[in-house]
C-alpha atoms as a PDB file:
ATOM      1  CA  MET A   1     -11.803  -9.718 -12.110  1.00  0.00           C
ATOM      2  CA  GLY A   2     -14.771 -10.445  -9.857  1.00  0.00           C
ATOM      3  CA  GLY A   3     -17.062  -8.425  -7.641  1.00  0.00           C
ATOM      4  CA  ASP A   4     -18.813  -5.173  -8.370  1.00  0.00           C
ATOM      5  CA  PHE A   5     -15.617  -3.256  -9.092  1.00  0.00           C
ATOM      6  CA  GLY A   6     -13.021  -5.698 -10.452  1.00  0.00           C
ATOM      7  CA  PRO A   7      -9.340  -4.656 -10.633  1.00  0.00           C
ATOM      8  CA  SER A   8     -10.044  -1.129  -9.367  1.00  0.00           C
ATOM      9  CA  VAL A   9     -10.592  -2.721  -5.934  1.00  0.00           C
ATOM     10  CA  THR A  10      -8.840  -6.082  -6.026  1.00  0.00           C
ATOM     11  CA  VAL A  11      -5.486  -4.843  -7.327  1.00  0.00           C
ATOM     12  CA  PRO A  12      -5.010  -1.988  -4.789  1.00  0.00           C
ATOM     13  CA  ALA A  13      -6.047  -4.417  -2.041  1.00  0.00           C
ATOM     14  CA  ALA A  14      -3.497  -6.936  -3.312  1.00  0.00           C
ATOM     15  CA  LEU A  15      -0.782  -4.275  -3.331  1.00  0.00           C
ATOM     16  CA  ASP A  16      -1.557  -3.265   0.261  1.00  0.00           C
ATOM     17  CA  PHE A  17      -1.555  -6.917   1.275  1.00  0.00           C
ATOM     18  CA  ALA A  18       1.851  -7.429  -0.359  1.00  0.00           C
ATOM     19  CA  ARG A  19       3.248  -4.445   1.551  1.00  0.00           C
ATOM     20  CA  ARG A  20       1.973  -5.901   4.847  1.00  0.00           C
ATOM     21  CA  ASN A  21       3.384  -9.337   4.052  1.00  0.00           C
ATOM     22  CA  PRO A  22       6.838  -8.944   2.489  1.00  0.00           C
ATOM     23  CA  GLY A  23       7.424 -12.703   2.442  1.00  0.00           C
ATOM     24  CA  CYS A  24       4.408 -13.459   0.279  1.00  0.00           C
ATOM     25  CA  GLY A  25       4.087 -13.451  -3.497  1.00  0.00           C
ATOM     26  CA  LEU A  26       0.868 -12.826  -5.422  1.00  0.00           C
ATOM     27  CA  LEU A  27      -0.549 -14.170  -8.668  1.00  0.00           C
ATOM     28  CA  LEU A  28      -3.136 -11.777 -10.127  1.00  0.00           C
ATOM     29  CA  VAL A  29      -5.369 -13.818 -12.431  1.00  0.00           C
ATOM     30  CA  GLY A  30      -7.424 -12.177 -15.145  1.00  0.00           C
ATOM     31  CA  GLN A  31      -7.368 -10.056 -18.259  1.00  0.00           C
ATOM     32  CA  GLN A  32      -3.821  -8.826 -18.593  1.00  0.00           C
ATOM     33  CA  ALA A  33      -4.502  -5.350 -19.991  1.00  0.00           C
ATOM     34  CA  ALA A  34      -6.934  -4.484 -17.205  1.00  0.00           C
ATOM     35  CA  ILE A  35      -4.550  -5.652 -14.483  1.00  0.00           C
ATOM     36  CA  GLU A  36      -1.564  -3.896 -16.047  1.00  0.00           C
ATOM     37  CA  GLY A  37      -3.600  -0.694 -16.145  1.00  0.00           C
ATOM     38  CA  SER A  38      -4.231  -0.943 -12.407  1.00  0.00           C
ATOM     39  CA  LEU A  39      -0.523  -1.542 -11.760  1.00  0.00           C
ATOM     40  CA  ALA A  40       0.682   1.249 -14.049  1.00  0.00           C
ATOM     41  CA  GLN A  41       1.098   3.849 -11.296  1.00  0.00           C
ATOM     42  CA  VAL A  42       3.124   1.622  -8.960  1.00  0.00           C
ATOM     43  CA  GLN A  43       6.702   2.851  -8.673  1.00  0.00           C
ATOM     44  CA  ASP A  44       8.013   0.331  -6.157  1.00  0.00           C
ATOM     45  CA  GLN A  45       9.896  -2.175  -8.328  1.00  0.00           C
ATOM     46  CA  THR A  46      10.696  -4.431  -5.378  1.00  0.00           C
ATOM     47  CA  LEU A  47       6.985  -4.741  -4.730  1.00  0.00           C
ATOM     48  CA  LEU A  48       6.196  -5.433  -8.383  1.00  0.00           C
ATOM     49  CA  GLU A  49       8.779  -8.219  -8.451  1.00  0.00           C
ATOM     50  CA  ARG A  50       6.598 -10.169  -6.010  1.00  0.00           C
ATOM     51  CA  ILE A  51       3.509  -9.808  -8.180  1.00  0.00           C
ATOM     52  CA  GLU A  52       2.874 -11.836 -11.322  1.00  0.00           C
ATOM     53  CA  ILE A  53       0.012 -11.535 -13.771  1.00  0.00           C
ATOM     54  CA  VAL A  54      -1.462 -14.861 -14.876  1.00  0.00           C
ATOM     55  CA  PRO A  55      -3.565 -14.244 -17.999  1.00  0.00           C
ATOM     56  CA  ALA A  56      -7.111 -15.553 -18.318  1.00  0.00           C
ATOM     57  CA  SER A  57      -9.094 -14.670 -21.409  1.00  0.00           C
ATOM     58  CA  GLU A  58     -12.592 -15.081 -19.923  1.00  0.00           C
ATOM     59  CA  VAL A  59     -14.475 -13.637 -16.960  1.00  0.00           C
ATOM     60  CA  VAL A  60     -17.388 -15.208 -15.083  1.00  0.00           C
ATOM     61  CA  ARG A  61     -20.071 -12.543 -14.754  1.00  0.00           C
ATOM     62  CA  MET A  62     -22.151 -12.126 -11.629  1.00  0.00           C
ATOM     63  CA  ASP A  63     -25.283 -13.221 -13.538  1.00  0.00           C
ATOM     64  CA  ASP A  64     -23.705 -16.175 -15.360  1.00  0.00           C
ATOM     65  CA  PRO A  65     -25.441 -19.492 -14.647  1.00  0.00           C
ATOM     66  CA  VAL A  66     -23.243 -22.091 -12.970  1.00  0.00           C
ATOM     67  CA  GLU A  67     -23.414 -24.282 -16.079  1.00  0.00           C
ATOM     68  CA  VAL A  68     -21.937 -21.501 -18.232  1.00  0.00           C
ATOM     69  CA  ALA A  69     -19.161 -20.774 -15.751  1.00  0.00           C
ATOM     70  CA  LEU A  70     -18.250 -24.421 -15.305  1.00  0.00           C
ATOM     71  CA  ARG A  71     -18.635 -25.891 -18.781  1.00  0.00           C
ATOM     72  CA  ARG A  72     -18.205 -23.071 -21.263  1.00  0.00           C
ATOM     73  CA  LYS A  73     -15.785 -20.585 -19.731  1.00  0.00           C
ATOM     74  CA  LYS A  74     -12.841 -22.917 -19.240  1.00  0.00           C
ATOM     75  CA  ASP A  75     -10.293 -20.100 -19.418  1.00  0.00           C
ATOM     76  CA  SER A  76     -12.022 -17.864 -16.882  1.00  0.00           C
ATOM     77  CA  SER A  77     -10.027 -16.183 -14.140  1.00  0.00           C
ATOM     78  CA  MET A  78     -11.870 -18.379 -11.604  1.00  0.00           C
ATOM     79  CA  ARG A  79     -10.955 -21.598 -13.397  1.00  0.00           C
ATOM     80  CA  VAL A  80      -7.330 -20.591 -13.907  1.00  0.00           C
ATOM     81  CA  ALA A  81      -6.988 -19.562 -10.239  1.00  0.00           C
ATOM     82  CA  ALA A  82      -8.368 -22.914  -9.066  1.00  0.00           C
ATOM     83  CA  GLU A  83      -5.981 -24.757 -11.391  1.00  0.00           C
ATOM     84  CA  LEU A  84      -3.056 -22.807  -9.899  1.00  0.00           C
ATOM     85  CA  VAL A  85      -3.963 -24.176  -6.481  1.00  0.00           C
ATOM     86  CA  LYS A  86      -4.415 -27.698  -7.812  1.00  0.00           C
ATOM     87  CA  SER A  87      -0.980 -27.644  -9.431  1.00  0.00           C
ATOM     88  CA  GLY A  88       0.653 -26.315  -6.266  1.00  0.00           C
ATOM     89  CA  ARG A  89       1.803 -23.109  -7.885  1.00  0.00           C
ATOM     90  CA  ALA A  90      -0.452 -21.197  -5.485  1.00  0.00           C
ATOM     91  CA  GLN A  91      -1.163 -22.152  -1.871  1.00  0.00           C
ATOM     92  CA  GLY A  92      -4.595 -20.533  -1.851  1.00  0.00           C
ATOM     93  CA  CYS A  93      -6.980 -18.374  -3.865  1.00  0.00           C
ATOM     94  CA  VAL A  94      -9.504 -15.594  -3.231  1.00  0.00           C
ATOM     95  CA  SER A  95     -12.349 -14.355  -5.429  1.00  0.00           C
ATOM     96  CA  ALA A  96     -15.038 -11.678  -5.092  1.00  0.00           C
ATOM     97  CA  GLY A  97     -17.007 -13.074  -8.018  1.00  0.00           C
ATOM     98  CA  ASN A  98     -20.141 -15.153  -8.517  1.00  0.00           C
ATOM     99  CA  THR A  99     -20.478 -17.319  -5.375  1.00  0.00           C
ATOM    100  CA  GLY A 100     -22.298 -20.225  -7.016  1.00  0.00           C
ATOM    101  CA  ALA A 101     -19.813 -20.358  -9.864  1.00  0.00           C
ATOM    102  CA  TRP A 102     -16.825 -20.082  -7.513  1.00  0.00           C
ATOM    103  CA  MET A 103     -18.124 -22.953  -5.403  1.00  0.00           C
ATOM    104  CA  ALA A 104     -18.860 -25.141  -8.439  1.00  0.00           C
ATOM    105  CA  ILE A 105     -15.529 -24.465 -10.150  1.00  0.00           C
ATOM    106  CA  THR A 106     -13.350 -24.988  -7.091  1.00  0.00           C
ATOM    107  CA  ARG A 107     -15.239 -28.145  -6.142  1.00  0.00           C
ATOM    108  CA  TYR A 108     -14.882 -29.509  -9.682  1.00  0.00           C
ATOM    109  CA  VAL A 109     -11.184 -28.672  -9.989  1.00  0.00           C
ATOM    110  CA  LEU A 110      -9.959 -29.343  -6.452  1.00  0.00           C
ATOM    111  CA  LYS A 111     -12.416 -32.036  -5.288  1.00  0.00           C
ATOM    112  CA  THR A 112     -13.445 -32.519  -1.665  1.00  0.00           C
ATOM    113  CA  LEU A 113     -11.386 -33.965   1.153  1.00  0.00           C
ATOM    114  CA  GLU A 114     -11.821 -37.629   2.044  1.00  0.00           C
ATOM    115  CA  GLY A 115     -14.799 -37.941   4.358  1.00  0.00           C
ATOM    116  CA  ILE A 116     -16.404 -34.655   3.227  1.00  0.00           C
ATOM    117  CA  ASP A 117     -19.397 -34.787   0.887  1.00  0.00           C
ATOM    118  CA  ARG A 118     -19.962 -31.057   0.372  1.00  0.00           C
ATOM    119  CA  PRO A 119     -17.906 -27.931   0.943  1.00  0.00           C
ATOM    120  CA  ALA A 120     -19.367 -25.311   3.287  1.00  0.00           C
ATOM    121  CA  ILE A 121     -18.969 -21.543   3.490  1.00  0.00           C
ATOM    122  CA  ALA A 122     -17.736 -20.332   6.881  1.00  0.00           C
ATOM    123  CA  THR A 123     -17.064 -16.884   8.276  1.00  0.00           C
ATOM    124  CA  SER A 124     -16.780 -15.070  11.607  1.00  0.00           C
ATOM    125  CA  LEU A 125     -19.439 -12.799  13.117  1.00  0.00           C
ATOM    126  CA  PRO A 126     -18.694 -10.361  15.989  1.00  0.00           C
ATOM    127  CA  ASN A 127     -19.979 -11.286  19.447  1.00  0.00           C
ATOM    128  CA  GLN A 128     -20.465  -9.548  22.793  1.00  0.00           C
ATOM    129  CA  LYS A 129     -17.334 -11.110  24.265  1.00  0.00           C
ATOM    130  CA  GLY A 130     -15.137  -9.010  22.008  1.00  0.00           C
ATOM    131  CA  GLY A 131     -14.301 -11.909  19.738  1.00  0.00           C
ATOM    132  CA  ALA A 132     -16.128 -13.601  16.902  1.00  0.00           C
ATOM    133  CA  THR A 133     -18.318 -16.638  16.399  1.00  0.00           C
ATOM    134  CA  ILE A 134     -17.558 -18.920  13.467  1.00  0.00           C
ATOM    135  CA  MET A 135     -20.693 -19.847  11.542  1.00  0.00           C
ATOM    136  CA  LEU A 136     -21.333 -22.315   8.728  1.00  0.00           C
ATOM    137  CA  ASP A 137     -22.865 -23.075   6.263  1.00  0.00           C
ATOM    138  CA  LEU A 138     -23.685 -19.634   4.873  1.00  0.00           C
ATOM    139  CA  GLY A 139     -25.280 -20.552   1.583  1.00  0.00           C
ATOM    140  CA  ALA A 140     -23.405 -23.294  -0.237  1.00  0.00           C
ATOM    141  CA  ASN A 141     -25.860 -26.044   0.724  1.00  0.00           C
ATOM    142  CA  VAL A 142     -29.541 -25.198   1.006  1.00  0.00           C
ATOM    143  CA  ASP A 143     -30.711 -28.775   1.623  1.00  0.00           C
ATOM    144  CA  CYS A 144     -28.579 -30.619   4.166  1.00  0.00           C
ATOM    145  CA  THR A 145     -28.710 -34.011   5.821  1.00  0.00           C
ATOM    146  CA  ALA A 146     -27.625 -34.741   9.381  1.00  0.00           C
ATOM    147  CA  ASP A 147     -24.417 -36.197   7.893  1.00  0.00           C
ATOM    148  CA  HIS A 148     -23.623 -32.862   6.271  1.00  0.00           C
ATOM    149  CA  LEU A 149     -24.241 -30.920   9.480  1.00  0.00           C
ATOM    150  CA  LEU A 150     -21.818 -33.177  11.345  1.00  0.00           C
ATOM    151  CA  GLN A 151     -19.203 -32.639   8.637  1.00  0.00           C
ATOM    152  CA  PHE A 152     -19.738 -28.866   8.875  1.00  0.00           C
ATOM    153  CA  ALA A 153     -19.185 -29.103  12.628  1.00  0.00           C
ATOM    154  CA  ILE A 154     -15.920 -30.974  12.123  1.00  0.00           C
ATOM    155  CA  MET A 155     -14.662 -28.378   9.659  1.00  0.00           C
ATOM    156  CA  GLY A 156     -15.825 -25.437  11.774  1.00  0.00           C
ATOM    157  CA  ALA A 157     -14.070 -26.875  14.837  1.00  0.00           C
ATOM    158  CA  ALA A 158     -10.876 -27.282  12.828  1.00  0.00           C
ATOM    159  CA  LEU A 159     -11.107 -23.660  11.690  1.00  0.00           C
ATOM    160  CA  ALA A 160     -11.553 -22.549  15.300  1.00  0.00           C
ATOM    161  CA  GLN A 161      -8.585 -24.666  16.391  1.00  0.00           C
ATOM    162  CA  VAL A 162      -6.158 -23.022  13.991  1.00  0.00           C
ATOM    163  CA  SER A 163      -7.532 -19.484  14.271  1.00  0.00           C
ATOM    164  CA  ARG A 164      -7.825 -19.437  18.077  1.00  0.00           C
ATOM    165  CA  HIS A 165      -5.272 -22.031  19.155  1.00  0.00           C
ATOM    166  CA  ASP A 166      -8.024 -23.796  21.078  1.00  0.00           C
ATOM    167  CA  ALA A 167      -7.755 -27.584  21.137  1.00  0.00           C
ATOM    168  CA  LYS A 168     -11.433 -28.118  22.048  1.00  0.00           C
ATOM    169  CA  PRO A 169     -13.586 -25.300  20.623  1.00  0.00           C
ATOM    170  CA  SER A 170     -17.253 -25.528  21.563  1.00  0.00           C
ATOM    171  CA  VAL A 171     -19.785 -26.310  18.842  1.00  0.00           C
ATOM    172  CA  GLY A 172     -23.480 -25.412  18.870  1.00  0.00           C
ATOM    173  CA  LEU A 173     -26.248 -26.552  16.540  1.00  0.00           C
ATOM    174  CA  LEU A 174     -28.556 -23.702  15.507  1.00  0.00           C
ATOM    175  CA  ASN A 175     -32.147 -24.526  16.420  1.00  0.00           C
ATOM    176  CA  ILE A 176     -35.439 -22.904  17.420  1.00  0.00           C
ATOM    177  CA  GLY A 177     -34.793 -23.746  21.062  1.00  0.00           C
ATOM    178  CA  GLU A 178     -32.211 -25.252  23.374  1.00  0.00           C
ATOM    179  CA  GLU A 179     -34.304 -28.292  24.322  1.00  0.00           C
ATOM    180  CA  ILE A 180     -33.428 -31.664  22.796  1.00  0.00           C
ATOM    181  CA  ILE A 181     -36.990 -32.128  21.529  1.00  0.00           C
ATOM    182  CA  LYS A 182     -36.895 -28.918  19.439  1.00  0.00           C
ATOM    183  CA  GLY A 183     -36.235 -28.776  15.705  1.00  0.00           C
ATOM    184  CA  ASN A 184     -37.014 -30.840  12.631  1.00  0.00           C
ATOM    185  CA  ASP A 185     -35.946 -34.457  12.149  1.00  0.00           C
ATOM    186  CA  THR A 186     -32.703 -33.511  10.382  1.00  0.00           C
ATOM    187  CA  VAL A 187     -31.559 -31.227  13.183  1.00  0.00           C
ATOM    188  CA  LYS A 188     -32.540 -33.747  15.867  1.00  0.00           C
ATOM    189  CA  LEU A 189     -30.556 -36.502  14.127  1.00  0.00           C
ATOM    190  CA  ALA A 190     -27.572 -34.170  13.639  1.00  0.00           C
ATOM    191  CA  ALA A 191     -27.633 -33.441  17.366  1.00  0.00           C
ATOM    192  CA  GLU A 192     -27.443 -37.188  18.057  1.00  0.00           C
ATOM    193  CA  TYR A 193     -24.432 -37.523  15.766  1.00  0.00           C
ATOM    194  CA  LEU A 194     -22.732 -34.560  17.423  1.00  0.00           C
ATOM    195  CA  ARG A 195     -23.328 -35.910  20.921  1.00  0.00           C
ATOM    196  CA  ALA A 196     -21.799 -39.224  19.811  1.00  0.00           C
ATOM    197  CA  SER A 197     -18.738 -37.533  18.285  1.00  0.00           C
ATOM    198  CA  HIS A 198     -15.552 -36.491  20.052  1.00  0.00           C
ATOM    199  CA  LEU A 199     -16.256 -32.855  19.303  1.00  0.00           C
ATOM    200  CA  ASN A 200     -16.914 -30.468  22.200  1.00  0.00           C
ATOM    201  CA  PHE A 201     -20.639 -30.300  21.484  1.00  0.00           C
ATOM    202  CA  TYR A 202     -22.451 -27.690  23.588  1.00  0.00           C
ATOM    203  CA  GLY A 203     -25.932 -28.575  22.367  1.00  0.00           C
ATOM    204  CA  ASN A 204     -28.648 -26.604  20.613  1.00  0.00           C
ATOM    205  CA  VAL A 205     -28.238 -22.840  20.417  1.00  0.00           C
ATOM    206  CA  GLU A 206     -30.583 -20.085  19.280  1.00  0.00           C
ATOM    207  CA  GLY A 207     -29.969 -17.117  16.997  1.00  0.00           C
ATOM    208  CA  ASN A 208     -29.081 -14.717  19.808  1.00  0.00           C
ATOM    209  CA  ASP A 209     -26.340 -17.103  20.971  1.00  0.00           C
ATOM    210  CA  ILE A 210     -24.372 -16.282  17.828  1.00  0.00           C
ATOM    211  CA  PHE A 211     -23.808 -12.744  19.075  1.00  0.00           C
ATOM    212  CA  LYS A 212     -23.582 -13.622  22.768  1.00  0.00           C
ATOM    213  CA  GLY A 213     -20.551 -15.757  21.990  1.00  0.00           C
ATOM    214  CA  THR A 214     -22.143 -18.747  23.729  1.00  0.00           C
ATOM    215  CA  VAL A 215     -20.116 -21.157  21.585  1.00  0.00           C
ATOM    216  CA  ASP A 216     -17.093 -20.878  19.307  1.00  0.00           C
ATOM    217  CA  VAL A 217     -18.794 -22.485  16.294  1.00  0.00           C
ATOM    218  CA  VAL A 218     -22.440 -22.421  15.185  1.00  0.00           C
ATOM    219  CA  VAL A 219     -23.601 -24.983  12.623  1.00  0.00           C
ATOM    220  CA  CYS A 220     -26.694 -24.746  10.385  1.00  0.00           C
ATOM    221  CA  ASP A 221     -27.800 -25.425   6.827  1.00  0.00           C
ATOM    222  CA  GLY A 222     -27.004 -22.941   4.083  1.00  0.00           C
ATOM    223  CA  PHE A 223     -30.516 -21.555   3.777  1.00  0.00           C
ATOM    224  CA  VAL A 224     -30.691 -20.468   7.420  1.00  0.00           C
ATOM    225  CA  GLY A 225     -27.058 -19.366   7.484  1.00  0.00           C
ATOM    226  CA  ASN A 226     -27.409 -17.112   4.466  1.00  0.00           C
ATOM    227  CA  VAL A 227     -30.514 -15.444   5.899  1.00  0.00           C
ATOM    228  CA  VAL A 228     -28.626 -14.756   9.147  1.00  0.00           C
ATOM    229  CA  LEU A 229     -25.602 -13.390   7.276  1.00  0.00           C
ATOM    230  CA  LYS A 230     -27.625 -11.032   5.069  1.00  0.00           C
ATOM    231  CA  SER A 231     -29.588  -9.833   8.106  1.00  0.00           C
ATOM    232  CA  VAL A 232     -26.371  -9.039   9.962  1.00  0.00           C
ATOM    233  CA  GLU A 233     -24.948  -7.181   6.973  1.00  0.00           C
ATOM    234  CA  GLY A 234     -28.119  -5.135   6.655  1.00  0.00           C
ATOM    235  CA  LEU A 235     -28.168  -4.322  10.372  1.00  0.00           C
ATOM    236  CA  ALA A 236     -24.515  -3.265  10.351  1.00  0.00           C
ATOM    237  CA  LYS A 237     -25.116  -0.878   7.446  1.00  0.00           C
ATOM    238  CA  MET A 238     -28.205   0.551   9.120  1.00  0.00           C
ATOM    239  CA  LEU A 239     -26.367   1.183  12.401  1.00  0.00           C
ATOM    240  CA  GLY A 240     -23.468   2.791  10.573  1.00  0.00           C
ATOM    241  CA  SER A 241     -25.858   5.067   8.713  1.00  0.00           C
ATOM    242  CA  MET A 242     -27.686   6.012  11.920  1.00  0.00           C
ATOM    243  CA  ILE A 243     -24.430   6.913  13.680  1.00  0.00           C
ATOM    244  CA  HIS A 244     -23.413   9.046  10.702  1.00  0.00           C
ATOM    245  CA  GLU A 245     -26.761  10.859  10.665  1.00  0.00           C
ATOM    246  CA  GLU A 246     -26.567  11.688  14.373  1.00  0.00           C
ATOM    247  CA  PHE A 247     -23.567  13.924  13.695  1.00  0.00           C
ATOM    248  CA  HIS A 248     -25.569  16.047  11.254  1.00  0.00           C
ATOM    249  CA  ARG A 249     -28.596  17.018  13.330  1.00  0.00           C
ATOM    250  CA  SER A 250     -29.164  19.808  15.880  1.00  0.00           C
ATOM    251  CA  TRP A 251     -26.312  21.528  17.741  1.00  0.00           C
ATOM    252  CA  LEU A 252     -27.307  19.649  20.917  1.00  0.00           C
ATOM    253  CA  THR A 253     -27.157  16.315  19.128  1.00  0.00           C
ATOM    254  CA  LYS A 254     -23.822  17.291  17.598  1.00  0.00           C
ATOM    255  CA  LEU A 255     -22.450  18.195  21.040  1.00  0.00           C
ATOM    256  CA  SER A 256     -23.681  14.907  22.480  1.00  0.00           C
ATOM    257  CA  GLY A 257     -22.236  13.140  19.487  1.00  0.00           C
ATOM    258  CA  LEU A 258     -18.819  14.715  19.998  1.00  0.00           C
ATOM    259  CA  ILE A 259     -18.769  13.569  23.605  1.00  0.00           C
ATOM    260  CA  ALA A 260     -19.818  10.056  22.644  1.00  0.00           C
ATOM    261  CA  LYS A 261     -17.787   9.936  19.426  1.00  0.00           C
ATOM    262  CA  PRO A 262     -14.955   7.677  20.707  1.00  0.00           C
ATOM    263  CA  VAL A 263     -17.451   5.115  21.992  1.00  0.00           C
ATOM    264  CA  LEU A 264     -19.625   5.319  18.875  1.00  0.00           C
ATOM    265  CA  ASN A 265     -16.619   4.974  16.575  1.00  0.00           C
ATOM    266  CA  LYS A 266     -15.433   1.936  18.504  1.00  0.00           C
ATOM    267  CA  PHE A 267     -18.892   0.403  18.229  1.00  0.00           C
ATOM    268  CA  LYS A 268     -19.084   1.229  14.525  1.00  0.00           C
ATOM    269  CA  SER A 269     -15.728  -0.455  14.002  1.00  0.00           C
ATOM    270  CA  ARG A 270     -16.881  -3.555  15.876  1.00  0.00           C
ATOM    271  CA  VAL A 271     -19.986  -3.970  13.705  1.00  0.00           C
ATOM    272  CA  ASP A 272     -18.244  -2.989  10.462  1.00  0.00           C
ATOM    273  CA  ASN A 273     -18.923  -6.031   8.302  1.00  0.00           C
ATOM    274  CA  ARG A 274     -15.922  -5.162   6.108  1.00  0.00           C
ATOM    275  CA  ARG A 275     -13.611  -6.330   8.903  1.00  0.00           C
ATOM    276  CA  TYR A 276     -15.204  -9.773   8.779  1.00  0.00           C
ATOM    277  CA  ASN A 277     -15.085 -10.109   4.994  1.00  0.00           C
ATOM    278  CA  GLY A 278     -13.652 -13.316   3.654  1.00  0.00           C
ATOM    279  CA  ALA A 279     -15.503 -16.616   3.953  1.00  0.00           C
ATOM    280  CA  ALA A 280     -13.653 -19.923   3.765  1.00  0.00           C
ATOM    281  CA  LEU A 281     -14.900 -22.653   1.432  1.00  0.00           C
ATOM    282  CA  LEU A 282     -14.138 -25.514   3.779  1.00  0.00           C
ATOM    283  CA  GLY A 283     -13.846 -29.139   2.718  1.00  0.00           C
ATOM    284  CA  LEU A 284     -11.921 -28.657  -0.532  1.00  0.00           C
ATOM    285  CA  ARG A 285      -8.440 -29.977  -1.299  1.00  0.00           C
ATOM    286  CA  GLY A 286      -7.087 -26.446  -1.278  1.00  0.00           C
ATOM    287  CA  VAL A 287      -7.428 -23.138   0.554  1.00  0.00           C
ATOM    288  CA  VAL A 288     -10.256 -21.199  -1.102  1.00  0.00           C
ATOM    289  CA  PHE A 289     -11.877 -17.975   0.128  1.00  0.00           C
ATOM    290  CA  LYS A 290     -14.826 -15.917  -1.068  1.00  0.00           C
ATOM    291  CA  SER A 291     -15.004 -12.146  -0.693  1.00  0.00           C
ATOM    292  CA  HIS A 292     -18.273 -10.231  -0.742  1.00  0.00           C
ATOM    293  CA  GLY A 293     -18.986  -8.907  -4.220  1.00  0.00           C
ATOM    294  CA  SER A 294     -19.524  -5.347  -2.975  1.00  0.00           C
ATOM    295  CA  ALA A 295     -16.252  -5.304  -1.017  1.00  0.00           C
ATOM    296  CA  ASP A 296     -14.116  -2.188  -1.178  1.00  0.00           C
ATOM    297  CA  SER A 297     -10.324  -2.300  -1.088  1.00  0.00           C
ATOM    298  CA  PHE A 298     -10.190  -2.512   2.717  1.00  0.00           C
ATOM    299  CA  ALA A 299     -12.710  -5.358   2.842  1.00  0.00           C
ATOM    300  CA  PHE A 300     -11.036  -7.326   0.057  1.00  0.00           C
ATOM    301  CA  GLY A 301      -7.742  -6.930   1.893  1.00  0.00           C
ATOM    302  CA  CYS A 302      -9.360  -8.533   4.939  1.00  0.00           C
ATOM    303  CA  ALA A 303     -10.334 -11.506   2.786  1.00  0.00           C
ATOM    304  CA  LEU A 304      -6.738 -11.830   1.613  1.00  0.00           C
ATOM    305  CA  ASP A 305      -5.554 -11.700   5.225  1.00  0.00           C
ATOM    306  CA  ARG A 306      -7.929 -14.508   6.199  1.00  0.00           C
ATOM    307  CA  ALA A 307      -6.754 -16.707   3.345  1.00  0.00           C
ATOM    308  CA  TYR A 308      -3.103 -16.065   4.240  1.00  0.00           C
ATOM    309  CA  ASP A 309      -3.785 -16.939   7.887  1.00  0.00           C
ATOM    310  CA  ALA A 310      -5.482 -20.183   6.822  1.00  0.00           C
ATOM    311  CA  ILE A 311      -2.435 -21.130   4.766  1.00  0.00           C
ATOM    312  CA  SER A 312       0.049 -20.128   7.465  1.00  0.00           C
ATOM    313  CA  THR A 313      -1.755 -22.051  10.213  1.00  0.00           C
ATOM    314  CA  GLY A 314      -2.224 -25.248   8.208  1.00  0.00           C
ATOM    315  CA  LEU A 315      -6.026 -25.166   8.108  1.00  0.00           C
ATOM    316  CA  LEU A 316      -6.256 -27.716   5.294  1.00  0.00           C
ATOM    317  CA  ASP A 317      -4.148 -30.310   7.125  1.00  0.00           C
ATOM    318  CA  ARG A 318      -6.062 -29.707  10.355  1.00  0.00           C
ATOM    319  CA  ILE A 319      -9.426 -30.364   8.726  1.00  0.00           C
ATOM    320  CA  ALA A 320      -8.129 -33.492   7.001  1.00  0.00           C
ATOM    321  CA  SER A 321      -6.613 -34.867  10.210  1.00  0.00           C
ATOM    322  CA  THR A 322      -9.762 -34.107  12.233  1.00  0.00           C
ATOM    323  CA  VAL A 323     -11.953 -35.947   9.728  1.00  0.00           C
ATOM    324  CA  ALA A 324      -9.484 -38.852   9.627  1.00  0.00           C
ATOM    325  CA  GLU A 325      -9.427 -39.013  13.428  1.00  0.00           C
ATOM    326  CA  LEU A 326     -13.191 -39.482  13.556  1.00  0.00           C
ATOM    327  CA  THR A 327     -13.120 -42.180  10.887  1.00  0.00           C
ATOM    328  CA  ARG A 328     -10.481 -44.090  12.894  1.00  0.00           C
ATOM    329  CA  LEU A 329     -12.636 -44.252  16.034  1.00  0.00           C
ATOM    330  CA  PRO A 330     -13.790 -47.724  17.176  1.00  0.00           C
ATOM    331  CA  ASP A 331     -17.147 -48.692  15.672  1.00  0.00           C
ATOM    332  CA  GLU A 332     -18.987 -48.257  18.960  1.00  0.00           C
ATOM    333  CA  ASP A 333     -17.696 -44.665  19.310  1.00  0.00           C
ATOM    334  CA  ARG A 334     -18.016 -43.605  15.692  1.00  0.00           C
ATOM    335  CA  PRO A 335     -20.925 -41.304  14.738  1.00  0.00           C
ATOM    336  CA  ALA A 336     -23.130 -43.092  12.225  1.00  0.00           C
ATOM    337  CA  SER A 337     -22.706 -40.295   9.686  1.00  0.00           C
ATOM    338  CA  VAL A 338     -18.934 -40.627   9.559  1.00  0.00           C
ATOM    339  CA  ASP A 339     -19.168 -44.339   8.819  1.00  0.00           C
ATOM    340  CA  HIS A 340     -21.271 -43.976   5.672  1.00  0.00           C
ATOM    341  CA  LYS A 341     -18.393 -43.014   3.412  1.00  0.00           C
ATOM    342  CA  THR A 342     -15.524 -45.127   4.716  1.00  0.00           C
END
């Protein structure tokens, strides 16, 4: 029911996802009449047999305060979806709705993993190496301690391990310079914790390193991460618009555009932020993903794919085991931030 378009986007995306993944079933949570209306034209009965509507009488609006979503709308589609994961009826859930409400509800219902204080939002951003750089936090936690940044690094490394089959993904701490002396006190202390951990800590990285692919995982607080994410989204849209406009100018520009079209289309595809839609809410006792509210059917399908991959690759167990491994280290090897909660 969430996002800018609701079932008109989420249901077609779910149907396409089900066709791509014949072994997977889907629970569509929300107002039954609206969902049934979106399914009315589907003729494939075999497909429909793998899709179940789970009614929810309330919807969290994009402008609803967190308090309203969490305390008053107890039968919202968000709340019901989170409860399905808690009960084990669903292995994961995806929403395009209100980010603050989604974070609050899933944290309240599912709780955090042992050793994790706060969940973090993580996603992948394209880099020059042809792959993607995992970045977190992207807005869940504006004010972070060094402890939190270490926990984000642990979770980001676990995500990289399962998504890239890399046992020792490199982790960088976003800073205003590579030198150890750079940054505020929180970042400097986080760097000390990371150097003391058994993570593959590269050191401080700068903003351009995200897109160079210098490291596999970039860690920062949610304020900085969200600014970076929104800047990237804006740049991608601007570049896409510029490429489109070039094909509608003079005949010489059109001719040049036709010659360069394969390269430009490939570039446009690489920077298409829809392909990278779907951010993981890491640190919860369940697989939870957030889609961009303005996502179209293709983009929402990408979010579903990411959630399915996280379930299939055992992301939740990997994060839990990585955190547990650090807490089992001898006292002299244990980062101070991991010790505070055990």
